[in-house]
PDB file of all heavy atoms in Angstrom:
ATOM      1  N   ILE A   1      -6.188  17.865   5.615  1.00  0.00           N
ATOM      2  CA  ILE A   1      -6.870  18.505   6.738  1.00  0.00           C
ATOM      3  C   ILE A   1      -7.572  17.479   7.624  1.00  0.00           C
ATOM      4  O   ILE A   1      -7.475  17.519   8.857  1.00  0.00           O
ATOM      5  CB  ILE A   1      -7.898  19.548   6.232  1.00  0.00           C
ATOM      6  CG1 ILE A   1      -7.199  20.679   5.494  1.00  0.00           C
ATOM      7  CG2 ILE A   1      -8.716  20.096   7.396  1.00  0.00           C
ATOM      8  CD1 ILE A   1      -6.225  21.476   6.317  1.00  0.00           C
ATOM      9  N   CYS A   2      -8.267  16.535   7.006  1.00  0.00           N
ATOM     10  CA  CYS A   2      -8.986  15.520   7.790  1.00  0.00           C
ATOM     11  C   CYS A   2      -8.026  14.619   8.559  1.00  0.00           C
ATOM     12  O   CYS A   2      -8.332  14.178   9.672  1.00  0.00           O
ATOM     13  CB  CYS A   2      -9.891  14.696   6.877  1.00  0.00           C
ATOM     14  SG  CYS A   2     -11.365  15.596   6.317  1.00  0.00           S
ATOM     15  N   GLU A   3      -6.870  14.346   7.967  1.00  0.00           N
ATOM     16  CA  GLU A   3      -5.866  13.558   8.690  1.00  0.00           C
ATOM     17  C   GLU A   3      -5.361  14.329   9.905  1.00  0.00           C
ATOM     18  O   GLU A   3      -5.230  13.768  11.007  1.00  0.00           O
ATOM     19  CB  GLU A   3      -4.693  13.219   7.778  1.00  0.00           C
ATOM     20  CG  GLU A   3      -3.585  12.450   8.492  1.00  0.00           C
ATOM     21  CD  GLU A   3      -2.295  12.362   7.701  1.00  0.00           C
ATOM     22  OE1 GLU A   3      -2.250  12.836   6.551  1.00  0.00           O
ATOM     23  OE2 GLU A   3      -1.315  11.821   8.264  1.00  0.00           O
ATOM     24  N   GLU A   4      -5.106  15.623   9.729  1.00  0.00           N
ATOM     25  CA  GLU A   4      -4.609  16.447  10.836  1.00  0.00           C
ATOM     26  C   GLU A   4      -5.617  16.515  11.974  1.00  0.00           C
ATOM     27  O   GLU A   4      -5.235  16.619  13.149  1.00  0.00           O
ATOM     28  CB  GLU A   4      -4.307  17.861  10.324  1.00  0.00           C
ATOM     29  CG  GLU A   4      -3.091  17.926   9.405  1.00  0.00           C
ATOM     30  CD  GLU A   4      -2.885  19.316   8.819  1.00  0.00           C
ATOM     31  OE1 GLU A   4      -3.791  20.172   8.988  1.00  0.00           O
ATOM     32  OE2 GLU A   4      -1.833  19.540   8.187  1.00  0.00           O
ATOM     33  N   LYS A   5      -6.900  16.447  11.639  1.00  0.00           N
ATOM     34  CA  LYS A   5      -7.961  16.495  12.650  1.00  0.00           C
ATOM     35  C   LYS A   5      -8.340  15.098  13.138  1.00  0.00           C
ATOM     36  O   LYS A   5      -9.316  14.944  13.877  1.00  0.00           O
ATOM     37  CB  LYS A   5      -9.197  17.199  12.078  1.00  0.00           C
ATOM     38  CG  LYS A   5      -8.944  18.637  11.651  1.00  0.00           C
ATOM     39  CD  LYS A   5      -8.483  19.511  12.806  1.00  0.00           C
ATOM     40  CE  LYS A   5      -8.272  20.959  12.359  1.00  0.00           C
ATOM     41  NZ  LYS A   5      -7.828  21.822  13.480  1.00  0.00           N
ATOM     42  N   HIS A   6      -7.563  14.093  12.719  1.00  0.00           N
ATOM     43  CA  HIS A   6      -7.769  12.691  13.118  1.00  0.00           C
ATOM     44  C   HIS A   6      -9.106  12.119  12.641  1.00  0.00           C
ATOM     45  O   HIS A   6      -9.597  11.129  13.196  1.00  0.00           O
ATOM     46  CB  HIS A   6      -7.658  12.552  14.645  1.00  0.00           C
ATOM     47  CG  HIS A   6      -6.400  13.125  15.212  1.00  0.00           C
ATOM     48  ND1 HIS A   6      -5.162  12.562  14.978  1.00  0.00           N
ATOM     49  CD2 HIS A   6      -6.181  14.236  15.975  1.00  0.00           C
ATOM     50  CE1 HIS A   6      -4.230  13.288  15.584  1.00  0.00           C
ATOM     51  NE2 HIS A   6      -4.821  14.312  16.189  1.00  0.00           N
ATOM     52  N   ALA A   7      -9.687  12.767  11.628  1.00  0.00           N
ATOM     53  CA  ALA A   7     -10.933  12.250  11.058  1.00  0.00           C
ATOM     54  C   ALA A   7     -10.657  11.354   9.860  1.00  0.00           C
ATOM     55  O   ALA A   7     -11.471  10.491   9.527  1.00  0.00           O
ATOM     56  CB  ALA A   7     -11.843  13.406  10.639  1.00  0.00           C
ATOM     57  N   GLY A   8      -9.513  11.562   9.203  1.00  0.00           N
ATOM     58  CA  GLY A   8      -9.169  10.810   8.010  1.00  0.00           C
ATOM     59  C   GLY A   8      -7.958   9.918   8.204  1.00  0.00           C
ATOM     60  O   GLY A   8      -7.445   9.760   9.310  1.00  0.00           O
ATOM     61  N   VAL A   9      -7.514   9.340   7.100  1.00  0.00           N
ATOM     62  CA  VAL A   9      -6.425   8.360   7.121  1.00  0.00           C
ATOM     63  C   VAL A   9      -5.152   8.973   6.539  1.00  0.00           C
ATOM     64  O   VAL A   9      -5.196   9.629   5.499  1.00  0.00           O
ATOM     65  CB  VAL A   9      -6.811   7.118   6.286  1.00  0.00           C
ATOM     66  CG1 VAL A   9      -5.637   6.148   6.166  1.00  0.00           C
ATOM     67  CG2 VAL A   9      -8.020   6.424   6.911  1.00  0.00           C
ATOM     68  N   GLY A  10      -4.039   8.745   7.216  1.00  0.00           N
ATOM     69  CA  GLY A  10      -2.748   9.142   6.682  1.00  0.00           C
ATOM     70  C   GLY A  10      -2.323   8.155   5.604  1.00  0.00           C
ATOM     71  O   GLY A  10      -2.080   6.981   5.891  1.00  0.00           O
ATOM     72  N   LEU A  11      -2.280   8.611   4.359  1.00  0.00           N
ATOM     73  CA  LEU A  11      -2.035   7.689   3.249  1.00  0.00           C
ATOM     74  C   LEU A  11      -0.659   7.046   3.317  1.00  0.00           C
ATOM     75  O   LEU A  11      -0.474   5.912   2.866  1.00  0.00           O
ATOM     76  CB  LEU A  11      -2.235   8.422   1.921  1.00  0.00           C
ATOM     77  CG  LEU A  11      -3.647   8.978   1.697  1.00  0.00           C
ATOM     78  CD1 LEU A  11      -3.746   9.688   0.365  1.00  0.00           C
ATOM     79  CD2 LEU A  11      -4.688   7.857   1.782  1.00  0.00           C
ATOM     80  N   ASN A  12       0.301   7.754   3.871  1.00  0.00           N
ATOM     81  CA  ASN A  12       1.635   7.161   4.015  1.00  0.00           C
ATOM     82  C   ASN A  12       1.636   5.991   4.992  1.00  0.00           C
ATOM     83  O   ASN A  12       2.499   5.120   4.931  1.00  0.00           O
ATOM     84  CB  ASN A  12       2.643   8.219   4.482  1.00  0.00           C
ATOM     85  CG  ASN A  12       3.082   9.133   3.357  1.00  0.00           C
ATOM     86  OD1 ASN A  12       3.081   8.736   2.190  1.00  0.00           O
ATOM     87  ND2 ASN A  12       3.443  10.365   3.689  1.00  0.00           N
ATOM     88  N   GLU A  13       0.641   5.974   5.884  1.00  0.00           N
ATOM     89  CA  GLU A  13       0.545   4.901   6.876  1.00  0.00           C
ATOM     90  C   GLU A  13       0.127   3.576   6.250  1.00  0.00           C
ATOM     91  O   GLU A  13       0.383   2.509   6.818  1.00  0.00           O
ATOM     92  CB  GLU A  13      -0.466   5.286   7.971  1.00  0.00           C
ATOM     93  CG  GLU A  13      -0.077   6.499   8.788  1.00  0.00           C
ATOM     94  CD  GLU A  13      -1.151   6.856   9.802  1.00  0.00           C
ATOM     95  OE1 GLU A  13      -1.974   5.963  10.134  1.00  0.00           O
ATOM     96  OE2 GLU A  13      -1.192   8.008  10.264  1.00  0.00           O
ATOM     97  N   ILE A  14      -0.534   3.643   5.105  1.00  0.00           N
ATOM     98  CA  ILE A  14      -1.027   2.400   4.492  1.00  0.00           C
ATOM     99  C   ILE A  14      -0.276   2.037   3.213  1.00  0.00           C
ATOM    100  O   ILE A  14      -0.464   0.953   2.681  1.00  0.00           O
ATOM    101  CB  ILE A  14      -2.539   2.484   4.190  1.00  0.00           C
ATOM    102  CG1 ILE A  14      -2.819   3.553   3.129  1.00  0.00           C
ATOM    103  CG2 ILE A  14      -3.320   2.758   5.472  1.00  0.00           C
ATOM    104  CD1 ILE A  14      -4.263   3.582   2.665  1.00  0.00           C
ATOM    105  N   LYS A  15       0.567   2.932   2.739  1.00  0.00           N
ATOM    106  CA  LYS A  15       1.232   2.706   1.460  1.00  0.00           C
ATOM    107  C   LYS A  15       2.131   1.480   1.484  1.00  0.00           C
ATOM    108  O   LYS A  15       2.093   0.642   0.570  1.00  0.00           O
ATOM    109  CB  LYS A  15       2.053   3.934   1.069  1.00  0.00           C
ATOM    110  CG  LYS A  15       2.681   3.830  -0.312  1.00  0.00           C
ATOM    111  CD  LYS A  15       3.389   5.123  -0.689  1.00  0.00           C
ATOM    112  CE  LYS A  15       3.961   5.049  -2.096  1.00  0.00           C
ATOM    113  NZ  LYS A  15       4.622   6.316  -2.495  1.00  0.00           N
ATOM    114  N   ASP A  16       2.937   1.332   2.524  1.00  0.00           N
ATOM    115  CA  ASP A  16       3.852   0.192   2.603  1.00  0.00           C
ATOM    116  C   ASP A  16       3.102  -1.128   2.679  1.00  0.00           C
ATOM    117  O   ASP A  16       3.505  -2.129   2.077  1.00  0.00           O
ATOM    118  CB  ASP A  16       4.791   0.334   3.807  1.00  0.00           C
ATOM    119  CG  ASP A  16       5.845   1.422   3.595  1.00  0.00           C
ATOM    120  OD1 ASP A  16       6.063   1.818   2.444  1.00  0.00           O
ATOM    121  OD2 ASP A  16       6.444   1.870   4.597  1.00  0.00           O
ATOM    122  N   ALA A  17       1.981  -1.125   3.438  1.00  0.00           N
ATOM    123  CA  ALA A  17       1.178  -2.345   3.552  1.00  0.00           C
ATOM    124  C   ALA A  17       0.585  -2.710   2.192  1.00  0.00           C
ATOM    125  O   ALA A  17       0.550  -3.884   1.809  1.00  0.00           O
ATOM    126  CB  ALA A  17       0.067  -2.154   4.583  1.00  0.00           C
ATOM    127  N   TRP A  18       0.124  -1.699   1.460  1.00  0.00           N
ATOM    128  CA  TRP A  18      -0.437  -1.934   0.126  1.00  0.00           C
ATOM    129  C   TRP A  18       0.625  -2.481  -0.816  1.00  0.00           C
ATOM    130  O   TRP A  18       0.393  -3.465  -1.522  1.00  0.00           O
ATOM    131  CB  TRP A  18      -1.017  -0.631  -0.419  1.00  0.00           C
ATOM    132  CG  TRP A  18      -1.667  -0.769  -1.769  1.00  0.00           C
ATOM    133  CD1 TRP A  18      -2.962  -1.123  -2.019  1.00  0.00           C
ATOM    134  CD2 TRP A  18      -1.054  -0.563  -3.052  1.00  0.00           C
ATOM    135  NE1 TRP A  18      -3.191  -1.148  -3.379  1.00  0.00           N
ATOM    136  CE2 TRP A  18      -2.041  -0.805  -4.040  1.00  0.00           C
ATOM    137  CE3 TRP A  18       0.231  -0.198  -3.453  1.00  0.00           C
ATOM    138  CZ2 TRP A  18      -1.786  -0.701  -5.394  1.00  0.00           C
ATOM    139  CZ3 TRP A  18       0.499  -0.088  -4.812  1.00  0.00           C
ATOM    140  CH2 TRP A  18      -0.497  -0.337  -5.764  1.00  0.00           C
ATOM    141  N   LEU A  19       1.791  -1.859  -0.825  1.00  0.00           N
ATOM    142  CA  LEU A  19       2.876  -2.316  -1.702  1.00  0.00           C
ATOM    143  C   LEU A  19       3.294  -3.743  -1.354  1.00  0.00           C
ATOM    144  O   LEU A  19       3.575  -4.559  -2.240  1.00  0.00           O
ATOM    145  CB  LEU A  19       4.083  -1.379  -1.580  1.00  0.00           C
ATOM    146  CG  LEU A  19       3.941  -0.004  -2.252  1.00  0.00           C
ATOM    147  CD1 LEU A  19       5.101   0.898  -1.848  1.00  0.00           C
ATOM    148  CD2 LEU A  19       3.888  -0.151  -3.770  1.00  0.00           C
ATOM    149  N   GLY A  20       3.317  -4.051  -0.045  1.00  0.00           N
ATOM    150  CA  GLY A  20       3.677  -5.399   0.382  1.00  0.00           C
ATOM    151  C   GLY A  20       2.683  -6.439  -0.088  1.00  0.00           C
ATOM    152  O   GLY A  20       3.068  -7.522  -0.549  1.00  0.00           O
ATOM    153  N   LYS A  21       1.389  -6.116   0.021  1.00  0.00           N
ATOM    154  CA  LYS A  21       0.347  -7.049  -0.412  1.00  0.00           C
ATOM    155  C   LYS A  21       0.407  -7.251  -1.918  1.00  0.00           C
ATOM    156  O   LYS A  21       0.304  -8.380  -2.418  1.00  0.00           O
ATOM    157  CB  LYS A  21      -1.031  -6.513  -0.017  1.00  0.00           C
ATOM    158  CG  LYS A  21      -2.186  -7.443  -0.377  1.00  0.00           C
ATOM    159  CD  LYS A  21      -2.078  -8.759   0.388  1.00  0.00           C
ATOM    160  CE  LYS A  21      -3.278  -9.644   0.126  1.00  0.00           C
ATOM    161  NZ  LYS A  21      -3.183 -10.937   0.865  1.00  0.00           N
ATOM    162  N   VAL A  22       0.599  -6.163  -2.651  1.00  0.00           N
ATOM    163  CA  VAL A  22       0.680  -6.244  -4.114  1.00  0.00           C
ATOM    164  C   VAL A  22       1.882  -7.095  -4.527  1.00  0.00           C
ATOM    165  O   VAL A  22       1.765  -7.968  -5.398  1.00  0.00           O
ATOM    166  CB  VAL A  22       0.781  -4.831  -4.724  1.00  0.00           C
ATOM    167  CG1 VAL A  22       1.194  -4.903  -6.190  1.00  0.00           C
ATOM    168  CG2 VAL A  22      -0.553  -4.108  -4.587  1.00  0.00           C
ATOM    169  N   ALA A  23       3.024  -6.868  -3.894  1.00  0.00           N
ATOM    170  CA  ALA A  23       4.225  -7.631  -4.231  1.00  0.00           C
ATOM    171  C   ALA A  23       4.034  -9.113  -3.945  1.00  0.00           C
ATOM    172  O   ALA A  23       4.446  -9.973  -4.734  1.00  0.00           O
ATOM    173  CB  ALA A  23       5.414  -7.095  -3.434  1.00  0.00           C
ATOM    174  N   GLU A  24       3.370  -9.417  -2.841  1.00  0.00           N
ATOM    175  CA  GLU A  24       3.136 -10.818  -2.462  1.00  0.00           C
ATOM    176  C   GLU A  24       2.269 -11.532  -3.499  1.00  0.00           C
ATOM    177  O   GLU A  24       2.588 -12.644  -3.949  1.00  0.00           O
ATOM    178  CB  GLU A  24       2.436 -10.866  -1.099  1.00  0.00           C
ATOM    179  CG  GLU A  24       1.955 -12.250  -0.690  1.00  0.00           C
ATOM    180  CD  GLU A  24       0.828 -12.211   0.321  1.00  0.00           C
ATOM    181  OE1 GLU A  24       0.747 -11.230   1.098  1.00  0.00           O
ATOM    182  OE2 GLU A  24       0.006 -13.149   0.323  1.00  0.00           O
ATOM    183  N   VAL A  25       1.163 -10.884  -3.913  1.00  0.00           N
ATOM    184  CA  VAL A  25       0.243 -11.510  -4.852  1.00  0.00           C
ATOM    185  C   VAL A  25       0.860 -11.603  -6.251  1.00  0.00           C
ATOM    186  O   VAL A  25       0.729 -12.625  -6.933  1.00  0.00           O
ATOM    187  CB  VAL A  25      -1.093 -10.739  -4.886  1.00  0.00           C
ATOM    188  CG1 VAL A  25      -1.997 -11.257  -6.002  1.00  0.00           C
ATOM    189  CG2 VAL A  25      -1.801 -10.865  -3.538  1.00  0.00           C
ATOM    190  N   LEU A  26       1.546 -10.556  -6.684  1.00  0.00           N
ATOM    191  CA  LEU A  26       2.187 -10.604  -8.000  1.00  0.00           C
ATOM    192  C   LEU A  26       3.264 -11.695  -8.047  1.00  0.00           C
ATOM    193  O   LEU A  26       3.443 -12.361  -9.079  1.00  0.00           O
ATOM    194  CB  LEU A  26       2.807  -9.249  -8.343  1.00  0.00           C
ATOM    195  CG  LEU A  26       1.834  -8.088  -8.581  1.00  0.00           C
ATOM    196  CD1 LEU A  26       2.594  -6.840  -9.013  1.00  0.00           C
ATOM    197  CD2 LEU A  26       0.773  -8.441  -9.609  1.00  0.00           C
ATOM    198  N   ASP A  27       3.950 -11.896  -6.953  1.00  0.00           N
ATOM    199  CA  ASP A  27       4.965 -12.953  -6.901  1.00  0.00           C
ATOM    200  C   ASP A  27       4.317 -14.331  -7.011  1.00  0.00           C
ATOM    201  O   ASP A  27       4.796 -15.199  -7.749  1.00  0.00           O
ATOM    202  CB  ASP A  27       5.755 -12.844  -5.590  1.00  0.00           C
ATOM    203  CG  ASP A  27       6.875 -13.868  -5.500  1.00  0.00           C
ATOM    204  OD1 ASP A  27       7.788 -13.822  -6.349  1.00  0.00           O
ATOM    205  OD2 ASP A  27       6.830 -14.723  -4.595  1.00  0.00           O
ATOM    206  N   ARG A  28       3.205 -14.522  -6.295  1.00  0.00           N
ATOM    207  CA  ARG A  28       2.480 -15.789  -6.382  1.00  0.00           C
ATOM    208  C   ARG A  28       1.932 -16.021  -7.779  1.00  0.00           C
ATOM    209  O   ARG A  28       1.802 -17.160  -8.230  1.00  0.00           O
ATOM    210  CB  ARG A  28       1.329 -15.818  -5.372  1.00  0.00           C
ATOM    211  CG  ARG A  28       1.759 -15.972  -3.920  1.00  0.00           C
ATOM    212  CD  ARG A  28       0.579 -15.731  -2.988  1.00  0.00           C
ATOM    213  NE  ARG A  28      -0.588 -16.515  -3.354  1.00  0.00           N
ATOM    214  CZ  ARG A  28      -1.836 -16.170  -3.066  1.00  0.00           C
ATOM    215  NH1 ARG A  28      -2.077 -15.030  -2.435  1.00  0.00           N
ATOM    216  NH2 ARG A  28      -2.843 -16.946  -3.428  1.00  0.00           N
ATOM    217  N   ALA A  29       1.627 -14.925  -8.466  1.00  0.00           N
ATOM    218  CA  ALA A  29       1.064 -15.021  -9.810  1.00  0.00           C
ATOM    219  C   ALA A  29       2.143 -15.116 -10.888  1.00  0.00           C
ATOM    220  O   ALA A  29       1.820 -15.117 -12.072  1.00  0.00           O
ATOM    221  CB  ALA A  29       0.182 -13.803 -10.083  1.00  0.00           C
ATOM    222  N   THR A  30       3.395 -15.188 -10.460  1.00  0.00           N
ATOM    223  CA  THR A  30       4.562 -15.233 -11.377  1.00  0.00           C
ATOM    224  C   THR A  30       4.578 -14.039 -12.319  1.00  0.00           C
ATOM    225  O   THR A  30       4.963 -14.151 -13.481  1.00  0.00           O
ATOM    226  CB  THR A  30       4.617 -16.548 -12.197  1.00  0.00           C
ATOM    227  OG1 THR A  30       3.509 -16.594 -13.109  1.00  0.00           O
ATOM    228  CG2 THR A  30       4.567 -17.765 -11.294  1.00  0.00           C
ATOM    229  N   LEU A  31       4.156 -12.882 -11.809  1.00  0.00           N
ATOM    230  CA  LEU A  31       4.155 -11.662 -12.598  1.00  0.00           C
ATOM    231  C   LEU A  31       5.340 -10.789 -12.208  1.00  0.00           C
ATOM    232  O   LEU A  31       5.771 -10.792 -11.053  1.00  0.00           O
ATOM    233  CB  LEU A  31       2.856 -10.883 -12.383  1.00  0.00           C
ATOM    234  CG  LEU A  31       1.579 -11.567 -12.843  1.00  0.00           C
ATOM    235  CD1 LEU A  31       0.359 -10.761 -12.430  1.00  0.00           C
ATOM    236  CD2 LEU A  31       1.594 -11.769 -14.349  1.00  0.00           C
ATOM    237  N   SER A  32       5.844 -10.042 -13.159  1.00  0.00           N
ATOM    238  CA  SER A  32       6.979  -9.164 -12.916  1.00  0.00           C
ATOM    239  C   SER A  32       6.596  -8.065 -11.948  1.00  0.00           C
ATOM    240  O   SER A  32       5.567  -7.401 -12.106  1.00  0.00           O
ATOM    241  CB  SER A  32       7.463  -8.540 -14.223  1.00  0.00           C
ATOM    242  OG  SER A  32       8.418  -7.539 -13.977  1.00  0.00           O
ATOM    243  N   ASN A  33       7.425  -7.867 -10.940  1.00  0.00           N
ATOM    244  CA  ASN A  33       7.196  -6.785  -9.987  1.00  0.00           C
ATOM    245  C   ASN A  33       8.307  -5.750 -10.108  1.00  0.00           C
ATOM    246  O   ASN A  33       8.725  -5.146  -9.128  1.00  0.00           O
ATOM    247  CB  ASN A  33       7.133  -7.337  -8.557  1.00  0.00           C
ATOM    248  CG  ASN A  33       6.573  -6.310  -7.585  1.00  0.00           C
ATOM    249  OD1 ASN A  33       5.795  -5.453  -7.968  1.00  0.00           O
ATOM    250  ND2 ASN A  33       6.992  -6.390  -6.334  1.00  0.00           N
ATOM    251  N   SER A  34       8.802  -5.589 -11.330  1.00  0.00           N
ATOM    252  CA  SER A  34       9.930  -4.689 -11.564  1.00  0.00           C
ATOM    253  C   SER A  34       9.498  -3.266 -11.887  1.00  0.00           C
ATOM    254  O   SER A  34      10.325  -2.411 -12.177  1.00  0.00           O
ATOM    255  CB  SER A  34      10.791  -5.228 -12.715  1.00  0.00           C
ATOM    256  OG  SER A  34      10.026  -5.298 -13.904  1.00  0.00           O
ATOM    257  N   LEU A  35       8.177  -3.027 -11.872  1.00  0.00           N
ATOM    258  CA  LEU A  35       7.689  -1.683 -12.143  1.00  0.00           C
ATOM    259  C   LEU A  35       8.181  -0.741 -11.046  1.00  0.00           C
ATOM    260  O   LEU A  35       8.001  -1.004  -9.859  1.00  0.00           O
ATOM    261  CB  LEU A  35       6.151  -1.674 -12.181  1.00  0.00           C
ATOM    262  CG  LEU A  35       5.531  -2.478 -13.319  1.00  0.00           C
ATOM    263  CD1 LEU A  35       4.041  -2.632 -13.085  1.00  0.00           C
ATOM    264  CD2 LEU A  35       5.778  -1.796 -14.649  1.00  0.00           C
TER     265      LEU A  35
END
């Protein structure tokens, strides 16, 4: 509801950015990103 009223955040809008950041750091840490 808050997203529809432009008061909140669309979670799908930030999901890809979050996944990208996580993948970048896990790769630098030599950790498996196969989850």
